[in-house]
């Protein structure tokens, strides 16, 4: 992991076309601006985890998995 220090108004680049700018710093938050091409998806990590959980929940359950869950509930 690269760790750098930036002040408000300063930025850094990721690759040739993604720029991260520090907009504001308070005691408990950092406001970050991201300039990236529209083709680049930018998600907060908690949003990505929610999407992954939703996708996993929408998959069908195998008969064996269902039988195992029922057995555990009976115990």
PDB file of N, CA and C in Angstrom:
ATOM      1  N   UNK A   1       0.851  -1.171   0.000  1.00  0.00           N
ATOM      2  CA  UNK A   1       0.000   0.000   0.000  1.00  0.00           C
ATOM      3  C   UNK A   1       0.900   1.238   0.000  1.00  0.00           C
ATOM      4  N   UNK A   2       0.601   2.140  -0.881  1.00  0.00           N
ATOM      5  CA  UNK A   2       1.308   3.416  -0.930  1.00  0.00           C
ATOM      6  C   UNK A   2       0.598   4.395   0.000  1.00  0.00           C
ATOM      7  N   UNK A   3       1.332   5.059   0.852  1.00  0.00           N
ATOM      8  CA  UNK A   3       0.771   6.062   1.752  1.00  0.00           C
ATOM      9  C   UNK A   3       1.442   7.390   1.429  1.00  0.00           C
ATOM     10  N   UNK A   4       0.624   8.401   1.120  1.00  0.00           N
ATOM     11  CA  UNK A   4       1.155   9.730   0.834  1.00  0.00           C
ATOM     12  C   UNK A   4       0.375  10.757   1.639  1.00  0.00           C
ATOM     13  N   UNK A   5       0.975  11.905   1.831  1.00  0.00           N
ATOM     14  CA  UNK A   5       0.302  12.992   2.541  1.00  0.00           C
ATOM     15  C   UNK A   5      -0.052  14.073   1.540  1.00  0.00           C
ATOM     16  N   UNK A   6      -1.261  14.566   1.623  1.00  0.00           N
ATOM     17  CA  UNK A   6      -1.739  15.636   0.760  1.00  0.00           C
ATOM     18  C   UNK A   6      -2.499  16.631   1.605  1.00  0.00           C
ATOM     19  N   UNK A   7      -2.469  17.868   1.215  1.00  0.00           N
ATOM     20  CA  UNK A   7      -3.239  18.925   1.873  1.00  0.00           C
ATOM     21  C   UNK A   7      -4.430  19.266   0.981  1.00  0.00           C
ATOM     22  N   UNK A   8      -5.437  19.945   1.539  1.00  0.00           N
ATOM     23  CA  UNK A   8      -6.559  20.367   0.692  1.00  0.00           C
ATOM     24  C   UNK A   8      -6.052  21.155  -0.511  1.00  0.00           C
ATOM     25  N   UNK A   9      -6.615  20.832  -1.672  1.00  0.00           N
ATOM     26  CA  UNK A   9      -6.216  21.473  -2.915  1.00  0.00           C
ATOM     27  C   UNK A   9      -5.134  20.716  -3.658  1.00  0.00           C
ATOM     28  N   UNK A  10      -4.466  19.775  -2.987  1.00  0.00           N
ATOM     29  CA  UNK A  10      -3.439  18.970  -3.644  1.00  0.00           C
ATOM     30  C   UNK A  10      -4.070  17.687  -4.181  1.00  0.00           C
ATOM     31  N   UNK A  11      -3.414  17.100  -5.171  1.00  0.00           N
ATOM     32  CA  UNK A  11      -3.966  15.895  -5.791  1.00  0.00           C
ATOM     33  C   UNK A  11      -2.851  14.924  -6.119  1.00  0.00           C
ATOM     34  N   UNK A  12      -3.255  13.742  -6.580  1.00  0.00           N
ATOM     35  CA  UNK A  12      -2.314  12.748  -7.083  1.00  0.00           C
ATOM     36  C   UNK A  12      -2.996  11.987  -8.201  1.00  0.00           C
ATOM     37  N   UNK A  13      -2.212  11.326  -9.027  1.00  0.00           N
ATOM     38  CA  UNK A  13      -2.725  10.615 -10.194  1.00  0.00           C
ATOM     39  C   UNK A  13      -2.626   9.112 -10.000  1.00  0.00           C
ATOM     40  N   UNK A  14      -3.596   8.413 -10.549  1.00  0.00           N
ATOM     41  CA  UNK A  14      -3.554   6.960 -10.640  1.00  0.00           C
ATOM     42  C   UNK A  14      -3.594   6.655 -12.125  1.00  0.00           C
ATOM     43  N   UNK A  15      -2.517   6.113 -12.634  1.00  0.00           N
ATOM     44  CA  UNK A  15      -2.418   5.897 -14.075  1.00  0.00           C
ATOM     45  C   UNK A  15      -2.361   7.242 -14.784  1.00  0.00           C
ATOM     46  N   UNK A  16      -2.795   7.247 -16.038  1.00  0.00           N
ATOM     47  CA  UNK A  16      -2.744   8.467 -16.841  1.00  0.00           C
ATOM     48  C   UNK A  16      -4.023   9.292 -16.764  1.00  0.00           C
ATOM     49  N   UNK A  17      -5.117   8.688 -16.309  1.00  0.00           N
ATOM     50  CA  UNK A  17      -6.392   9.388 -16.472  1.00  0.00           C
ATOM     51  C   UNK A  17      -7.288   9.438 -15.240  1.00  0.00           C
ATOM     52  N   UNK A  18      -6.777   9.086 -14.071  1.00  0.00           N
ATOM     53  CA  UNK A  18      -7.563   9.199 -12.842  1.00  0.00           C
ATOM     54  C   UNK A  18      -6.822  10.137 -11.890  1.00  0.00           C
ATOM     55  N   UNK A  19      -7.506  11.214 -11.492  1.00  0.00           N
ATOM     56  CA  UNK A  19      -6.922  12.176 -10.569  1.00  0.00           C
ATOM     57  C   UNK A  19      -7.741  12.212  -9.292  1.00  0.00           C
ATOM     58  N   UNK A  20      -7.065  12.150  -8.163  1.00  0.00           N
ATOM     59  CA  UNK A  20      -7.702  12.217  -6.848  1.00  0.00           C
ATOM     60  C   UNK A  20      -7.261  13.532  -6.211  1.00  0.00           C
ATOM     61  N   UNK A  21      -8.234  14.355  -5.841  1.00  0.00           N
ATOM     62  CA  UNK A  21      -7.931  15.643  -5.210  1.00  0.00           C
ATOM     63  C   UNK A  21      -8.515  15.680  -3.809  1.00  0.00           C
ATOM     64  N   UNK A  22      -7.738  16.162  -2.852  1.00  0.00           N
ATOM     65  CA  UNK A  22      -8.217  16.346  -1.490  1.00  0.00           C
ATOM     66  C   UNK A  22      -8.924  17.695  -1.452  1.00  0.00           C
ATOM     67  N   UNK A  23     -10.208  17.680  -1.179  1.00  0.00           N
ATOM     68  CA  UNK A  23     -11.009  18.902  -1.205  1.00  0.00           C
ATOM     69  C   UNK A  23     -11.095  19.577   0.156  1.00  0.00           C
ATOM     70  N   UNK A  24     -11.277  18.765   1.196  1.00  0.00           N
ATOM     71  CA  UNK A  24     -11.494  19.326   2.533  1.00  0.00           C
ATOM     72  C   UNK A  24     -11.125  18.291   3.586  1.00  0.00           C
ATOM     73  N   UNK A  25     -10.559  18.769   4.682  1.00  0.00           N
ATOM     74  CA  UNK A  25     -10.226  17.891   5.797  1.00  0.00           C
ATOM     75  C   UNK A  25     -10.817  18.502   7.068  1.00  0.00           C
ATOM     76  N   UNK A  26     -11.577  17.689   7.811  1.00  0.00           N
ATOM     77  CA  UNK A  26     -12.089  18.116   9.111  1.00  0.00           C
ATOM     78  C   UNK A  26     -11.547  17.140  10.151  1.00  0.00           C
ATOM     79  N   UNK A  27     -11.970  17.302  11.385  1.00  0.00           N
ATOM     80  CA  UNK A  27     -11.485  16.433  12.461  1.00  0.00           C
ATOM     81  C   UNK A  27     -11.859  14.972  12.231  1.00  0.00           C
ATOM     82  N   UNK A  28     -12.998  14.719  11.573  1.00  0.00           N
ATOM     83  CA  UNK A  28     -13.453  13.334  11.438  1.00  0.00           C
ATOM     84  C   UNK A  28     -13.670  12.887   9.999  1.00  0.00           C
ATOM     85  N   UNK A  29     -13.425  13.746   9.010  1.00  0.00           N
ATOM     86  CA  UNK A  29     -13.695  13.368   7.625  1.00  0.00           C
ATOM     87  C   UNK A  29     -12.655  13.951   6.681  1.00  0.00           C
ATOM     88  N   UNK A  30     -12.538  13.288   5.547  1.00  0.00           N
ATOM     89  CA  UNK A  30     -11.744  13.811   4.434  1.00  0.00           C
ATOM     90  C   UNK A  30     -12.663  13.801   3.222  1.00  0.00           C
ATOM     91  N   UNK A  31     -12.821  14.938   2.566  1.00  0.00           N
ATOM     92  CA  UNK A  31     -13.631  15.020   1.362  1.00  0.00           C
ATOM     93  C   UNK A  31     -12.685  14.892   0.175  1.00  0.00           C
ATOM     94  N   UNK A  32     -12.971  13.914  -0.695  1.00  0.00           N
ATOM     95  CA  UNK A  32     -12.103  13.581  -1.813  1.00  0.00           C
ATOM     96  C   UNK A  32     -12.876  13.780  -3.111  1.00  0.00           C
ATOM     97  N   UNK A  33     -12.225  14.397  -4.100  1.00  0.00           N
ATOM     98  CA  UNK A  33     -12.794  14.515  -5.435  1.00  0.00           C
ATOM     99  C   UNK A  33     -12.066  13.562  -6.368  1.00  0.00           C
ATOM    100  N   UNK A  34     -12.820  12.917  -7.271  1.00  0.00           N
ATOM    101  CA  UNK A  34     -12.236  11.944  -8.192  1.00  0.00           C
ATOM    102  C   UNK A  34     -12.589  12.351  -9.610  1.00  0.00           C
ATOM    103  N   UNK A  35     -11.561  12.553 -10.433  1.00  0.00           N
ATOM    104  CA  UNK A  35     -11.754  12.809 -11.856  1.00  0.00           C
ATOM    105  C   UNK A  35     -11.310  11.564 -12.605  1.00  0.00           C
ATOM    106  N   UNK A  36     -12.258  10.955 -13.323  1.00  0.00           N
ATOM    107  CA  UNK A  36     -11.948   9.718 -14.050  1.00  0.00           C
ATOM    108  C   UNK A  36     -12.842   9.648 -15.279  1.00  0.00           C
ATOM    109  N   UNK A  37     -12.405   8.936 -16.303  1.00  0.00           N
ATOM    110  CA  UNK A  37     -13.263   8.747 -17.473  1.00  0.00           C
ATOM    111  C   UNK A  37     -14.560   8.041 -17.080  1.00  0.00           C
ATOM    112  N   UNK A  38     -15.607   8.284 -17.849  1.00  0.00           N
ATOM    113  CA  UNK A  38     -16.904   7.661 -17.543  1.00  0.00           C
ATOM    114  C   UNK A  38     -16.830   6.141 -17.582  1.00  0.00           C
ATOM    115  N   UNK A  39     -15.881   5.607 -18.333  1.00  0.00           N
ATOM    116  CA  UNK A  39     -15.750   4.151 -18.434  1.00  0.00           C
ATOM    117  C   UNK A  39     -15.187   3.528 -17.156  1.00  0.00           C
ATOM    118  N   UNK A  40     -14.625   4.343 -16.264  1.00  0.00           N
ATOM    119  CA  UNK A  40     -14.052   3.840 -15.012  1.00  0.00           C
ATOM    120  C   UNK A  40     -15.133   3.854 -13.935  1.00  0.00           C
ATOM    121  N   UNK A  41     -15.416   2.701 -13.352  1.00  0.00           N
ATOM    122  CA  UNK A  41     -16.402   2.609 -12.281  1.00  0.00           C
ATOM    123  C   UNK A  41     -15.745   3.018 -10.969  1.00  0.00           C
ATOM    124  N   UNK A  42     -16.394   3.931 -10.259  1.00  0.00           N
ATOM    125  CA  UNK A  42     -15.905   4.374  -8.953  1.00  0.00           C
ATOM    126  C   UNK A  42     -17.004   4.087  -7.943  1.00  0.00           C
ATOM    127  N   UNK A  43     -16.730   3.183  -6.991  1.00  0.00           N
ATOM    128  CA  UNK A  43     -17.705   2.809  -5.968  1.00  0.00           C
ATOM    129  C   UNK A  43     -17.076   2.900  -4.589  1.00  0.00           C
ATOM    130  N   UNK A  44     -17.865   3.324  -3.610  1.00  0.00           N
ATOM    131  CA  UNK A  44     -17.422   3.195  -2.222  1.00  0.00           C
ATOM    132  C   UNK A  44     -17.374   1.702  -1.909  1.00  0.00           C
ATOM    133  N   UNK A  45     -16.441   1.293  -1.079  1.00  0.00           N
ATOM    134  CA  UNK A  45     -16.275  -0.139  -0.811  1.00  0.00           C
ATOM    135  C   UNK A  45     -17.526  -0.761  -0.208  1.00  0.00           C
ATOM    136  N   UNK A  46     -18.254  -0.018   0.641  1.00  0.00           N
ATOM    137  CA  UNK A  46     -19.466  -0.597   1.235  1.00  0.00           C
ATOM    138  C   UNK A  46     -20.548  -0.822   0.190  1.00  0.00           C
ATOM    139  N   UNK A  47     -20.588  -0.022  -0.864  1.00  0.00           N
ATOM    140  CA  UNK A  47     -21.558  -0.220  -1.939  1.00  0.00           C
ATOM    141  C   UNK A  47     -21.202  -1.483  -2.717  1.00  0.00           C
ATOM    142  N   UNK A  48     -19.928  -1.678  -2.988  1.00  0.00           N
ATOM    143  CA  UNK A  48     -19.498  -2.868  -3.708  1.00  0.00           C
ATOM    144  C   UNK A  48     -19.794  -4.118  -2.892  1.00  0.00           C
ATOM    145  N   UNK A  49     -19.543  -4.086  -1.580  1.00  0.00           N
ATOM    146  CA  UNK A  49     -19.840  -5.254  -0.736  1.00  0.00           C
ATOM    147  C   UNK A  49     -21.335  -5.553  -0.743  1.00  0.00           C
ATOM    148  N   UNK A  50     -22.176  -4.515  -0.723  1.00  0.00           N
ATOM    149  CA  UNK A  50     -23.623  -4.717  -0.759  1.00  0.00           C
ATOM    150  C   UNK A  50     -24.038  -5.347  -2.079  1.00  0.00           C
ATOM    151  N   UNK A  51     -23.467  -4.875  -3.184  1.00  0.00           N
ATOM    152  CA  UNK A  51     -23.787  -5.453  -4.491  1.00  0.00           C
ATOM    153  C   UNK A  51     -23.385  -6.927  -4.539  1.00  0.00           C
ATOM    154  N   UNK A  52     -22.217  -7.254  -4.013  1.00  0.00           N
ATOM    155  CA  UNK A  52     -21.757  -8.645  -4.006  1.00  0.00           C
ATOM    156  C   UNK A  52     -22.672  -9.513  -3.146  1.00  0.00           C
ATOM    157  N   UNK A  53     -23.096  -8.994  -1.994  1.00  0.00           N
ATOM    158  CA  UNK A  53     -23.995  -9.753  -1.115  1.00  0.00           C
ATOM    159  C   UNK A  53     -25.345  -9.965  -1.790  1.00  0.00           C
ATOM    160  N   UNK A  54     -25.848  -8.945  -2.469  1.00  0.00           N
ATOM    161  CA  UNK A  54     -27.121  -9.082  -3.180  1.00  0.00           C
ATOM    162  C   UNK A  54     -27.021 -10.117  -4.290  1.00  0.00           C
ATOM    163  N   UNK A  55     -25.914 -10.104  -5.013  1.00  0.00           N
ATOM    164  CA  UNK A  55     -25.716 -11.078  -6.077  1.00  0.00           C
ATOM    165  C   UNK A  55     -25.663 -12.491  -5.508  1.00  0.00           C
ATOM    166  N   UNK A  56     -24.928 -12.660  -4.414  1.00  0.00           N
ATOM    167  CA  UNK A  56     -24.833 -13.982  -3.791  1.00  0.00           C
ATOM    168  C   UNK A  56     -26.200 -14.446  -3.291  1.00  0.00           C
ATOM    169  N   UNK A  57     -26.988 -13.525  -2.747  1.00  0.00           N
ATOM    170  CA  UNK A  57     -28.308 -13.882  -2.222  1.00  0.00           C
ATOM    171  C   UNK A  57     -29.286 -14.245  -3.330  1.00  0.00           C
ATOM    172  N   UNK A  58     -29.046 -13.766  -4.530  1.00  0.00           N
ATOM    173  CA  UNK A  58     -29.977 -14.032  -5.631  1.00  0.00           C
ATOM    174  C   UNK A  58     -29.675 -15.346  -6.350  1.00  0.00           C
ATOM    175  N   UNK A  59     -28.550 -15.973  -6.012  1.00  0.00           N
ATOM    176  CA  UNK A  59     -28.204 -17.247  -6.652  1.00  0.00           C
ATOM    177  C   UNK A  59     -29.069 -18.367  -6.064  1.00  0.00           C
ATOM    178  N   UNK A  60     -29.463 -19.324  -6.893  1.00  0.00           N
ATOM    179  CA  UNK A  60     -30.261 -20.444  -6.369  1.00  0.00           C
ATOM    180  C   UNK A  60     -29.444 -21.293  -5.390  1.00  0.00           C
ATOM    181  N   UNK A  61     -30.139 -21.879  -4.442  1.00  0.00           N
ATOM    182  CA  UNK A  61     -29.496 -22.733  -3.436  1.00  0.00           C
ATOM    183  C   UNK A  61     -29.609 -24.180  -3.905  1.00  0.00           C
ATOM    184  N   UNK A  62     -28.509 -24.900  -3.812  1.00  0.00           N
ATOM    185  CA  UNK A  62     -28.532 -26.310  -4.211  1.00  0.00           C
ATOM    186  C   UNK A  62     -29.348 -27.113  -3.193  1.00  0.00           C
ATOM    187  N   UNK A  63     -29.844 -28.232  -3.637  1.00  0.00           N
ATOM    188  CA  UNK A  63     -30.633 -29.101  -2.756  1.00  0.00           C
ATOM    189  C   UNK A  63     -29.788 -29.556  -1.565  1.00  0.00           C
ATOM    190  N   UNK A  64     -28.514 -29.820  -1.812  1.00  0.00           N
ATOM    191  CA  UNK A  64     -27.625 -30.268  -0.732  1.00  0.00           C
ATOM    192  C   UNK A  64     -27.434 -29.161   0.311  1.00  0.00           C
ATOM    193  N   UNK A  65     -27.236 -27.923  -0.141  1.00  0.00           N
ATOM    194  CA  UNK A  65     -27.080 -26.800   0.788  1.00  0.00           C
ATOM    195  C   UNK A  65     -28.345 -26.587   1.600  1.00  0.00           C
ATOM    196  N   UNK A  66     -29.483 -26.704   0.955  1.00  0.00           N
ATOM    197  CA  UNK A  66     -30.757 -26.541   1.645  1.00  0.00           C
ATOM    198  C   UNK A  66     -30.939 -27.627   2.696  1.00  0.00           C
ATOM    199  N   UNK A  67     -30.588 -28.856   2.351  1.00  0.00           N
ATOM    200  CA  UNK A  67     -30.700 -29.959   3.307  1.00  0.00           C
ATOM    201  C   UNK A  67     -29.778 -29.724   4.500  1.00  0.00           C
ATOM    202  N   UNK A  68     -28.564 -29.229   4.252  1.00  0.00           N
ATOM    203  CA  UNK A  68     -27.631 -28.939   5.347  1.00  0.00           C
ATOM    204  C   UNK A  68     -28.180 -27.842   6.261  1.00  0.00           C
ATOM    205  N   UNK A  69     -28.768 -26.798   5.683  1.00  0.00           N
ATOM    206  CA  UNK A  69     -29.338 -25.716   6.496  1.00  0.00           C
ATOM    207  C   UNK A  69     -30.491 -26.219   7.343  1.00  0.00           C
ATOM    208  N   UNK A  70     -31.359 -27.052   6.750  1.00  0.00           N
ATOM    209  CA  UNK A  70     -32.492 -27.597   7.501  1.00  0.00           C
ATOM    210  C   UNK A  70     -32.012 -28.471   8.648  1.00  0.00           C
ATOM    211  N   UNK A  71     -30.981 -29.251   8.409  1.00  0.00           N
ATOM    212  CA  UNK A  71     -30.427 -30.119   9.460  1.00  0.00           C
ATOM    213  C   UNK A  71     -29.876 -29.282  10.615  1.00  0.00           C
ATOM    214  N   UNK A  72     -29.169 -28.185  10.279  1.00  0.00           N
ATOM    215  CA  UNK A  72     -28.630 -27.318  11.332  1.00  0.00           C
ATOM    216  C   UNK A  72     -29.748 -26.643  12.116  1.00  0.00           C
ATOM    217  N   UNK A  73     -30.826 -26.282  11.467  1.00  0.00           N
ATOM    218  CA  UNK A  73     -31.957 -25.653  12.166  1.00  0.00           C
ATOM    219  C   UNK A  73     -32.634 -26.636  13.107  1.00  0.00           C
ATOM    220  N   UNK A  74     -32.674 -27.876  12.723  1.00  0.00           N
ATOM    221  CA  UNK A  74     -33.323 -28.884  13.567  1.00  0.00           C
ATOM    222  C   UNK A  74     -32.520 -29.155  14.841  1.00  0.00           C
ATOM    223  N   UNK A  75     -31.230 -28.916  14.810  1.00  0.00           N
ATOM    224  CA  UNK A  75     -30.387 -29.206  15.979  1.00  0.00           C
ATOM    225  C   UNK A  75     -30.569 -28.210  17.022  1.00  0.00           C
TER     226      UNK A  75
END
